[in-house]
Amino acid sequence: MEISEVIRTTFAARQFTDDPVPDDAIERMLEHARFAPSGGNRQGWHVIVVRDPEIRAAIAQAAERPAKRYMAMQQAGEGPWNAAFPSSVTDESAASLPTPRRLMDPYIEAPVLLAVVVDLGVVASVDKELDRVGVISGGSIYPFVWSILLMARNEGFGGTLTTIPIANEPELKPILGLPDHYAIAAFLPIGKPVKQLTRLKRGPVGDFTTIDRFDGASFGS
């Protein structure tokens, strides 16, 4: 498959058939993804292929509370879990919502679940002293994560970058055996999608690109 087609057709797949994802396919995905860039070429990632049903169930359970808050924030017209504006959602109002199985079941049902974790001792978090949520260290891990998903698509599979369980990271770290200085960056459920999407909706370049300043003239047609 041409790289441009892979990029333009890699979608967030959360429903999968029962088709297995062979180990050699996983290895090929990781073999290519490892060439993703990282700060100082320190490659601070580690991948856990999660097979144990009990561990996968614990990950799904960890997603329940934050997933309910996500849904409650959506219903309140908020950007779910955004770091810019305070939320009107309370723990009590979120807890009253139905269990969001669609946000939890992929951790259990996907043929393969990859946990991508990052060594905080090697990524440069140059924004860690700013008065906002840190985002810079993600630059050394998410190109690798995205490369895995691109390669999954290239292999005829699909998946999605999920983060909701990480709201409960303290309870997941001992389950996954993570050292203190590691953080969970993403969970990737991967499998053969029930439906392959090929036409994705995205805003045009001119909608998100400007010249010289944020409020500058639009760039692109």
Protein backbone atom coordinates (compact mmCIF):
# COMPACT_ATOMS: atom_id res chain seq x y z
CA MET A 1 0.00 0.00 0.00
CA GLU A 2 1.29 3.48 -0.88
CA ILE A 3 2.33 5.51 2.19
CA SER A 4 -0.06 8.34 1.27
CA GLU A 5 -2.97 5.87 1.19
CA VAL A 6 -1.94 4.39 4.54
CA ILE A 7 -1.84 7.86 6.13
CA ARG A 8 -5.18 8.92 4.65
CA THR A 9 -7.05 5.71 5.57
CA THR A 10 -5.75 4.87 9.06
CA PHE A 11 -8.84 5.32 11.22
CA ALA A 12 -9.74 4.67 14.85
CA ALA A 13 -10.90 1.04 14.86
CA ARG A 14 -12.59 -0.21 18.04
CA GLN A 15 -14.59 -3.19 16.78
CA PHE A 16 -12.77 -6.24 15.53
CA THR A 17 -13.43 -9.63 14.04
CA ASP A 18 -12.18 -12.80 15.72
CA ASP A 19 -9.28 -13.04 13.26
CA PRO A 20 -5.99 -13.36 15.14
CA VAL A 21 -3.08 -10.95 14.78
CA PRO A 22 -0.06 -13.23 14.30
CA ASP A 23 3.08 -12.60 16.32
CA ASP A 24 5.09 -12.10 13.14
CA ALA A 25 2.72 -9.30 12.09
CA ILE A 26 3.15 -7.61 15.48
CA GLU A 27 6.90 -7.93 15.15
CA ARG A 28 6.83 -6.35 11.67
CA MET A 29 4.77 -3.44 13.00
CA LEU A 30 7.27 -2.82 15.78
CA GLU A 31 10.26 -3.46 13.53
CA HIS A 32 9.25 -0.52 11.33
CA ALA A 33 7.78 1.68 14.06
CA ARG A 34 11.07 1.66 15.98
CA PHE A 35 12.49 4.06 13.40
CA ALA A 36 10.18 6.82 14.66
CA PRO A 37 12.05 9.94 15.84
CA SER A 38 12.56 10.68 19.52
CA GLY A 39 14.35 13.41 21.44
CA GLY A 40 18.10 12.80 21.34
CA ASN A 41 17.31 9.47 19.64
CA ARG A 42 16.91 8.07 23.16
CA GLN A 43 13.98 5.84 22.17
CA GLY A 44 12.45 5.88 25.63
CA TRP A 45 9.57 3.58 24.73
CA HIS A 46 8.77 0.08 25.92
CA VAL A 47 5.93 -2.07 24.57
CA ILE A 48 4.01 -4.64 26.62
CA VAL A 49 2.00 -7.18 24.61
CA VAL A 50 -0.84 -7.74 27.07
CA ARG A 51 -2.26 -11.25 26.76
CA ASP A 52 -3.35 -12.10 30.32
CA PRO A 53 -7.19 -11.85 30.48
CA GLU A 54 -7.09 -10.68 34.10
CA ILE A 55 -4.72 -7.83 33.29
CA ARG A 56 -6.84 -6.83 30.31
CA ALA A 57 -9.96 -6.88 32.49
CA ALA A 58 -8.20 -4.66 35.05
CA ILE A 59 -7.31 -2.18 32.29
CA ALA A 60 -10.93 -2.12 31.14
CA GLN A 61 -12.13 -1.61 34.71
CA ALA A 62 -9.68 1.28 35.16
CA ALA A 63 -11.32 2.93 32.15
CA GLU A 64 -14.84 2.92 33.61
CA ARG A 65 -14.74 5.97 35.90
CA PRO A 66 -12.82 8.29 33.52
CA ALA A 67 -14.95 7.09 30.59
CA LYS A 68 -18.11 8.03 32.50
CA ARG A 69 -16.64 11.48 33.15
CA TYR A 70 -15.79 11.74 29.45
CA MET A 71 -19.42 11.03 28.54
CA ALA A 72 -20.76 13.40 31.19
CA MET A 73 -18.50 16.19 29.93
CA GLN A 74 -19.70 15.58 26.39
CA GLN A 75 -23.32 15.77 27.52
CA ALA A 76 -22.54 19.05 29.30
CA GLY A 77 -21.20 20.50 26.04
CA GLU A 78 -17.59 20.52 27.30
CA GLY A 79 -14.41 19.36 25.65
CA PRO A 80 -13.93 16.09 27.57
CA TRP A 81 -10.97 16.12 29.96
CA ASN A 82 -9.66 19.39 28.51
CA ALA A 83 -6.94 21.13 30.50
CA ALA A 84 -7.94 24.71 29.64
CA PHE A 85 -11.34 25.22 31.24
CA PRO A 86 -12.87 23.94 34.50
CA SER A 87 -15.56 21.28 34.27
CA SER A 88 -19.05 21.51 35.69
CA VAL A 89 -19.26 17.73 35.94
CA THR A 90 -19.17 16.19 39.41
CA ASP A 91 -18.08 12.70 40.39
CA GLU A 92 -21.65 12.00 41.48
CA SER A 93 -23.26 13.06 38.21
CA ALA A 94 -20.73 11.09 36.17
CA ALA A 95 -21.13 7.98 38.32
CA SER A 96 -24.86 7.88 37.61
CA LEU A 97 -24.31 7.30 33.88
CA PRO A 98 -24.50 3.81 32.34
CA THR A 99 -21.27 1.84 32.06
CA PRO A 100 -19.72 2.87 28.70
CA ARG A 101 -18.96 -0.59 27.37
CA ARG A 102 -17.92 0.71 23.93
CA LEU A 103 -15.02 2.51 25.60
CA MET A 104 -14.08 -0.48 27.75
CA ASP A 105 -14.68 -3.63 25.71
CA PRO A 106 -11.83 -3.12 23.19
CA TYR A 107 -9.31 -3.70 25.99
CA ILE A 108 -10.85 -7.12 26.56
CA GLU A 109 -12.04 -8.13 23.11
CA ALA A 110 -9.33 -6.93 20.72
CA PRO A 111 -7.16 -9.80 19.48
CA VAL A 112 -4.06 -7.88 20.61
CA LEU A 113 -3.60 -5.16 23.23
CA LEU A 114 -0.35 -3.22 23.27
CA ALA A 115 0.60 -1.01 26.21
CA VAL A 116 3.16 1.62 25.24
CA VAL A 117 5.04 3.05 28.20
CA VAL A 118 7.73 5.72 28.38
CA ASP A 119 10.84 6.18 30.49
CA LEU A 120 10.43 9.64 32.03
CA GLY A 121 14.13 9.63 32.85
CA VAL A 122 15.13 9.96 29.19
CA VAL A 123 12.48 12.23 27.61
CA ALA A 124 13.07 15.98 27.66
CA SER A 125 10.02 17.60 29.29
CA VAL A 126 11.13 21.17 28.67
CA ASP A 127 7.68 22.49 29.60
CA LYS A 128 7.54 20.80 32.99
CA GLU A 129 7.98 24.11 34.88
CA LEU A 130 5.27 25.97 32.97
CA ASP A 131 1.92 26.62 34.58
CA ARG A 132 -0.01 24.25 32.35
CA VAL A 133 -0.30 20.56 31.57
CA GLY A 134 2.92 19.23 30.04
CA VAL A 135 2.78 18.11 26.42
CA ILE A 136 6.36 18.27 25.15
CA SER A 137 7.52 14.84 26.33
CA GLY A 138 4.81 13.29 24.15
CA GLY A 139 6.88 14.33 21.16
CA SER A 140 9.34 11.58 22.01
CA ILE A 141 6.73 8.81 22.24
CA TYR A 142 3.65 9.48 20.09
CA PRO A 143 5.43 9.40 16.71
CA PHE A 144 6.34 5.81 17.67
CA VAL A 145 2.75 5.06 18.72
CA TRP A 146 1.35 6.47 15.49
CA SER A 147 3.88 4.52 13.46
CA ILE A 148 2.58 1.31 15.05
CA LEU A 149 -0.96 2.19 13.96
CA LEU A 150 0.19 3.06 10.45
CA MET A 151 1.97 -0.28 10.18
CA ALA A 152 -1.10 -2.08 11.54
CA ARG A 153 -3.11 -0.51 8.73
CA ASN A 154 -0.43 -1.51 6.23
CA GLU A 155 -0.68 -5.11 7.46
CA GLY A 156 -4.45 -5.11 6.91
CA PHE A 157 -5.32 -4.60 10.56
CA GLY A 158 -6.49 -1.58 12.53
CA GLY A 159 -6.51 -0.11 15.98
CA THR A 160 -6.75 3.09 17.95
CA LEU A 161 -4.69 5.16 20.35
CA THR A 162 -6.55 5.08 23.67
CA THR A 163 -5.67 6.80 26.93
CA ILE A 164 -8.77 6.76 29.15
CA PRO A 165 -7.54 4.08 31.62
CA ILE A 166 -4.42 6.15 32.28
CA ALA A 167 -6.49 8.43 34.52
CA ASN A 168 -6.11 5.54 36.97
CA GLU A 169 -2.42 4.97 36.24
CA PRO A 170 -1.41 4.49 39.92
CA GLU A 171 -3.50 1.32 40.14
CA LEU A 172 -2.35 0.04 36.74
CA LYS A 173 1.40 0.49 37.26
CA PRO A 174 1.77 -2.40 39.74
CA ILE A 175 -0.47 -4.60 37.59
CA LEU A 176 1.81 -3.99 34.61
CA GLY A 177 4.97 -4.14 36.74
CA LEU A 178 6.12 -0.65 35.78
CA PRO A 179 9.09 0.99 37.51
CA ASP A 180 8.33 4.27 39.26
CA HIS A 181 9.96 6.41 36.57
CA TYR A 182 7.85 4.96 33.75
CA ALA A 183 4.49 6.34 32.63
CA ILE A 184 1.80 4.78 30.48
CA ALA A 185 1.52 6.67 27.20
CA ALA A 186 -1.13 4.67 25.34
CA PHE A 187 -3.06 1.45 25.03
CA LEU A 188 -3.49 0.15 21.47
CA PRO A 189 -6.24 -2.42 20.85
CA ILE A 190 -5.39 -3.97 17.47
CA GLY A 191 -7.18 -6.44 15.22
CA LYS A 192 -9.01 -6.91 11.95
CA PRO A 193 -11.68 -4.16 11.86
CA VAL A 194 -15.28 -5.25 11.42
CA LYS A 195 -15.53 -2.48 8.83
CA GLN A 196 -12.68 -0.89 6.91
CA LEU A 197 -13.13 2.85 6.46
CA THR A 198 -11.42 4.48 3.50
CA ARG A 199 -12.91 8.00 3.44
CA LEU A 200 -12.03 9.98 6.55
CA LYS A 201 -13.35 13.46 7.35
CA ARG A 202 -10.73 16.06 8.24
CA GLY A 203 -10.61 19.84 8.05
CA PRO A 204 -8.75 21.38 5.09
CA VAL A 205 -5.22 22.75 5.52
CA GLY A 206 -6.43 26.34 5.37
CA ASP A 207 -8.64 25.80 8.42
CA PHE A 208 -5.72 25.11 10.76
CA THR A 209 -2.67 26.76 9.19
CA THR A 210 -1.81 30.47 9.33
CA ILE A 211 1.15 32.63 8.30
CA ASP A 212 3.52 34.17 10.87
CA ARG A 213 1.03 34.33 13.79
CA PHE A 214 -1.90 32.37 15.23
CA ASP A 215 -4.18 35.16 13.97
CA GLY A 216 -2.30 35.52 10.70
CA ALA A 217 -3.62 35.02 7.21
CA SER A 218 -4.76 31.54 6.28
CA PHE A 219 -2.19 29.34 4.58
CA GLY A 220 -3.34 27.00 1.85
CA SER A 221 -6.25 26.88 -0.52
